[in-house]
Protein backbone atom coordinates (compact mmCIF):
# COMPACT_ATOMS: atom_id res chain seq x y z
CA UNK A 1 155.58 -29.86 105.79
CA UNK A 2 153.89 -26.46 106.10
CA UNK A 3 155.27 -24.16 108.80
CA UNK A 4 152.59 -22.16 110.62
CA UNK A 5 153.82 -18.76 111.79
CA UNK A 6 152.35 -16.04 114.02
CA UNK A 7 153.62 -12.49 114.40
CA UNK A 8 153.27 -9.93 117.18
CA UNK A 9 154.38 -6.36 116.45
CA UNK A 10 152.71 -3.05 117.25
CA UNK A 11 153.98 -1.34 114.08
CA UNK A 12 151.21 -2.08 111.58
CA UNK A 13 153.19 -1.26 108.44
CA UNK A 14 156.10 -3.48 109.46
CA UNK A 15 153.75 -6.26 110.59
CA UNK A 16 151.81 -6.27 107.32
CA UNK A 17 155.05 -6.28 105.35
CA UNK A 18 156.33 -9.28 107.31
CA UNK A 19 153.05 -11.11 106.79
CA UNK A 20 153.27 -10.63 103.02
CA UNK A 21 156.93 -11.71 103.06
CA UNK A 22 156.41 -14.87 105.12
CA UNK A 23 153.36 -15.86 103.09
CA UNK A 24 155.52 -15.67 99.96
CA UNK A 25 157.88 -18.36 101.26
CA UNK A 26 157.25 -21.93 100.12
CA UNK A 27 155.27 -24.11 102.57
CA UNK A 28 154.99 -21.28 105.08
CA UNK A 29 152.09 -19.06 106.13
CA UNK A 30 151.01 -16.60 108.81
CA UNK A 31 148.06 -18.02 110.73
CA UNK A 32 147.43 -14.95 112.89
CA UNK A 33 148.81 -11.56 113.88
CA UNK A 34 148.79 -9.59 117.13
CA UNK A 35 149.39 -5.93 118.00
CA UNK A 36 150.94 -6.58 121.41
CA UNK A 37 152.04 -9.32 123.79
CA UNK A 38 148.71 -9.58 125.59
CA UNK A 39 146.79 -10.06 122.36
CA UNK A 40 149.30 -12.74 121.33
CA UNK A 41 149.05 -14.64 124.62
CA UNK A 42 145.23 -14.46 124.51
CA UNK A 43 145.14 -15.80 120.95
CA UNK A 44 147.46 -18.68 121.85
CA UNK A 45 145.16 -19.60 124.75
CA UNK A 46 141.98 -19.64 122.67
CA UNK A 47 142.89 -20.61 119.08
CA UNK A 48 142.64 -24.25 118.03
CA UNK A 49 145.48 -23.92 115.51
CA UNK A 50 148.83 -23.28 117.16
CA UNK A 51 151.85 -21.76 115.37
CA UNK A 52 155.12 -23.63 115.00
CA UNK A 53 157.04 -20.35 115.08
CA UNK A 54 156.30 -16.91 116.55
CA UNK A 55 157.98 -13.73 115.31
CA UNK A 56 157.92 -11.56 118.42
CA UNK A 57 158.74 -7.86 118.76
CA UNK A 58 160.33 -6.75 122.04
CA UNK A 59 158.94 -3.21 122.39
CA UNK A 60 155.13 -3.31 122.47
CA UNK A 61 152.40 -1.64 124.58
CA UNK A 62 150.25 -3.44 127.20
CA UNK A 63 152.62 -6.42 127.36
CA UNK A 64 156.11 -6.32 125.90
CA UNK A 65 157.84 -9.15 124.06
CA UNK A 66 159.91 -10.34 127.01
CA UNK A 67 156.84 -10.62 129.26
CA UNK A 68 154.93 -12.47 126.54
CA UNK A 69 157.90 -14.76 125.90
CA UNK A 70 158.06 -15.86 129.54
CA UNK A 71 154.35 -16.74 129.53
CA UNK A 72 154.60 -18.61 126.23
CA UNK A 73 157.57 -20.69 127.39
CA UNK A 74 155.81 -21.58 130.64
CA UNK A 75 152.66 -22.79 128.88
CA UNK A 76 153.69 -23.79 125.32
CA UNK A 77 157.43 -24.37 125.40
CA UNK A 78 157.35 -26.35 122.14
CA UNK A 79 156.60 -23.21 120.09
CA UNK A 80 159.73 -21.69 118.57
CA UNK A 81 160.08 -17.96 119.28
CA UNK A 82 162.23 -15.63 117.19
CA UNK A 83 162.76 -12.17 118.64
CA UNK A 84 162.31 -9.32 116.13
CA UNK A 85 164.02 -6.13 117.25
CA UNK A 86 166.18 -3.14 116.50
CA UNK A 87 167.93 -3.68 119.85
CA UNK A 88 171.21 -5.57 119.53
CA UNK A 89 172.55 -4.77 123.00
CA UNK A 90 174.07 -7.65 124.97
CA UNK A 91 171.56 -7.45 127.81
CA UNK A 92 168.59 -7.62 125.43
CA UNK A 93 169.94 -10.69 123.65
CA UNK A 94 170.99 -12.54 126.81
CA UNK A 95 167.73 -11.76 128.64
CA UNK A 96 165.57 -13.13 125.83
CA UNK A 97 167.65 -16.27 125.28
CA UNK A 98 167.68 -16.99 129.02
CA UNK A 99 163.89 -16.57 128.99
CA UNK A 100 163.61 -19.23 126.30
CA UNK A 101 163.83 -17.46 122.92
CA UNK A 102 165.00 -19.71 120.08
CA UNK A 103 166.52 -17.04 117.91
CA UNK A 104 167.12 -13.37 117.31
CA UNK A 105 166.47 -11.43 114.10
CA UNK A 106 167.22 -7.77 113.41
CA UNK A 107 164.33 -5.85 111.88
CA UNK A 108 166.52 -4.73 108.99
CA UNK A 109 167.39 -8.33 108.06
CA UNK A 110 167.26 -9.38 104.42
CA UNK A 111 164.24 -11.49 103.30
CA UNK A 112 166.53 -14.50 102.76
CA UNK A 113 167.67 -14.31 106.39
CA UNK A 114 164.08 -14.13 107.64
CA UNK A 115 163.24 -17.33 105.76
CA UNK A 116 166.43 -19.04 106.93
CA UNK A 117 165.77 -18.10 110.57
CA UNK A 118 162.26 -19.55 110.51
CA UNK A 119 163.35 -22.78 108.83
CA UNK A 120 166.38 -23.21 111.14
CA UNK A 121 164.31 -22.78 114.31
CA UNK A 122 161.69 -25.17 112.94
CA UNK A 123 164.37 -27.76 112.11
CA UNK A 124 167.11 -27.26 114.72
CA UNK A 125 165.36 -25.32 117.54
CA UNK A 126 167.70 -22.30 117.29
CA UNK A 127 169.05 -19.64 114.94
CA UNK A 128 171.80 -17.09 115.52
CA UNK A 129 173.94 -15.13 113.10
CA UNK A 130 177.69 -14.91 113.68
CA UNK A 131 177.48 -11.23 114.80
CA UNK A 132 174.79 -12.18 117.34
CA UNK A 133 176.92 -15.03 118.66
CA UNK A 134 179.84 -12.63 119.09
CA UNK A 135 177.64 -10.19 121.02
CA UNK A 136 176.46 -13.05 123.24
CA UNK A 137 180.00 -14.28 123.83
CA UNK A 138 181.26 -10.84 124.82
CA UNK A 139 178.32 -10.31 127.15
CA UNK A 140 178.82 -13.67 128.82
CA UNK A 141 182.52 -13.13 129.49
CA UNK A 142 181.65 -10.04 131.55
CA UNK A 143 179.46 -12.02 133.94
CA UNK A 144 181.02 -13.57 137.07
CA UNK A 145 181.23 -17.35 137.27
CA UNK A 146 178.92 -18.77 139.93
CA UNK A 147 180.42 -22.27 139.79
CA UNK A 148 184.06 -23.21 140.27
CA UNK A 149 186.07 -24.39 137.27
CA UNK A 150 186.46 -27.85 138.81
CA UNK A 151 182.70 -28.18 139.21
CA UNK A 152 182.14 -27.05 135.62
CA UNK A 153 184.70 -29.52 134.29
CA UNK A 154 182.87 -32.37 136.01
CA UNK A 155 179.33 -31.24 135.19
CA UNK A 156 179.26 -32.75 131.70
CA UNK A 157 180.73 -36.05 130.60
CA UNK A 158 183.12 -36.08 127.61
CA UNK A 159 180.38 -37.64 125.47
CA UNK A 160 177.87 -34.97 126.53
CA UNK A 161 180.36 -32.26 125.60
CA UNK A 162 180.86 -33.93 122.23
CA UNK A 163 177.10 -34.05 121.62
CA UNK A 164 176.75 -30.43 122.73
CA UNK A 165 179.44 -29.29 120.30
CA UNK A 166 177.67 -31.06 117.43
CA UNK A 167 174.33 -29.53 118.45
CA UNK A 168 175.95 -26.10 118.27
CA UNK A 169 177.17 -26.95 114.76
CA UNK A 170 173.51 -27.50 113.82
CA UNK A 171 173.62 -31.27 113.43
CA UNK A 172 170.28 -33.00 113.96
CA UNK A 173 169.91 -35.88 116.43
CA UNK A 174 169.91 -38.36 113.54
CA UNK A 175 173.09 -36.82 112.09
CA UNK A 176 174.78 -36.84 115.51
CA UNK A 177 173.82 -40.49 115.98
CA UNK A 178 175.39 -41.41 112.64
CA UNK A 179 178.52 -39.37 113.30
CA UNK A 180 179.11 -40.85 116.78
CA UNK A 181 177.86 -44.37 115.95
CA UNK A 182 175.05 -44.11 118.50
CA UNK A 183 171.33 -44.78 118.36
CA UNK A 184 169.00 -41.84 117.90
CA UNK A 185 167.45 -42.69 121.28
CA UNK A 186 170.85 -42.45 122.97
CA UNK A 187 171.49 -39.04 121.42
CA UNK A 188 168.08 -37.81 122.58
CA UNK A 189 168.98 -39.07 126.05
CA UNK A 190 172.20 -37.04 125.98
CA UNK A 191 170.26 -33.99 124.77
CA UNK A 192 167.78 -34.30 127.65
CA UNK A 193 170.62 -34.73 130.16
CA UNK A 194 172.29 -31.62 128.77
CA UNK A 195 169.10 -29.60 129.24
CA UNK A 196 168.72 -30.84 132.81
CA UNK A 197 172.36 -30.42 133.84
CA UNK A 198 172.77 -26.95 132.35
CA UNK A 199 169.32 -25.69 133.34
CA UNK A 200 168.64 -24.72 129.73
CA UNK A 201 165.09 -24.23 128.46
CA UNK A 202 165.87 -25.36 124.91
CA UNK A 203 168.64 -25.80 122.34
CA UNK A 204 169.26 -22.05 122.21
CA UNK A 205 169.98 -22.21 125.93
CA UNK A 206 172.50 -24.99 125.31
CA UNK A 207 174.23 -22.75 122.77
CA UNK A 208 174.40 -20.01 125.40
CA UNK A 209 175.90 -22.48 127.89
CA UNK A 210 178.49 -23.70 125.38
CA UNK A 211 179.56 -20.13 124.66
CA UNK A 212 179.69 -19.16 128.32
CA UNK A 213 181.90 -22.11 129.24
CA UNK A 214 184.04 -21.90 126.10
CA UNK A 215 183.11 -25.37 124.89
CA UNK A 216 182.96 -24.01 121.35
CA UNK A 217 184.12 -20.88 119.53
CA UNK A 218 181.68 -18.73 117.56
CA UNK A 219 183.44 -19.34 114.24
CA UNK A 220 182.87 -23.09 114.64
CA UNK A 221 179.08 -22.78 114.50
CA UNK A 222 179.03 -22.53 110.73
CA UNK A 223 181.85 -24.98 109.89
């Protein structure tokens, strides 16, 4: 299946380089480019062909990446958004994930990581590297808890916690169903309940929740 990708970045040289790179990947192509967030949002509202994945820069004129991300997730939440940035500060990462971003990619990433990020978001709805997960975890531990520990313990059922842990380990719904001897429909039901109970926008939000409440350690994501 071909993966349609869009990119928004105000740096023309970087943008053109990313377009050439993505177009070189098998079954993947850039369907349009934008110079800023406003141009991206306008194209999404008028174009007949919609991207599966958007590579979105944070620092852009007219409308920055975070503002564009919020609009995209309100109107077209099914589009996967990967943040492209040189900023790896905790508050940047947490703000974008809480706004609905599906992944985070440093601008100096290797071509292989760019391809992996796009394919992972397309397949599993999220992509984070281990260093990014560590930054997220450290940032979350500094934030005060708004819910008591007893309430948090009772928020998710044991089965929901089990499903959440497998989601974080990048198992698909079909794989989770096979592993837990459940139907795919039951797993999807658990996934929807997890989104509702945790107030998460997407799978990336569930990962953030799992890290915040210590339901999984960062080194378990890739095991």
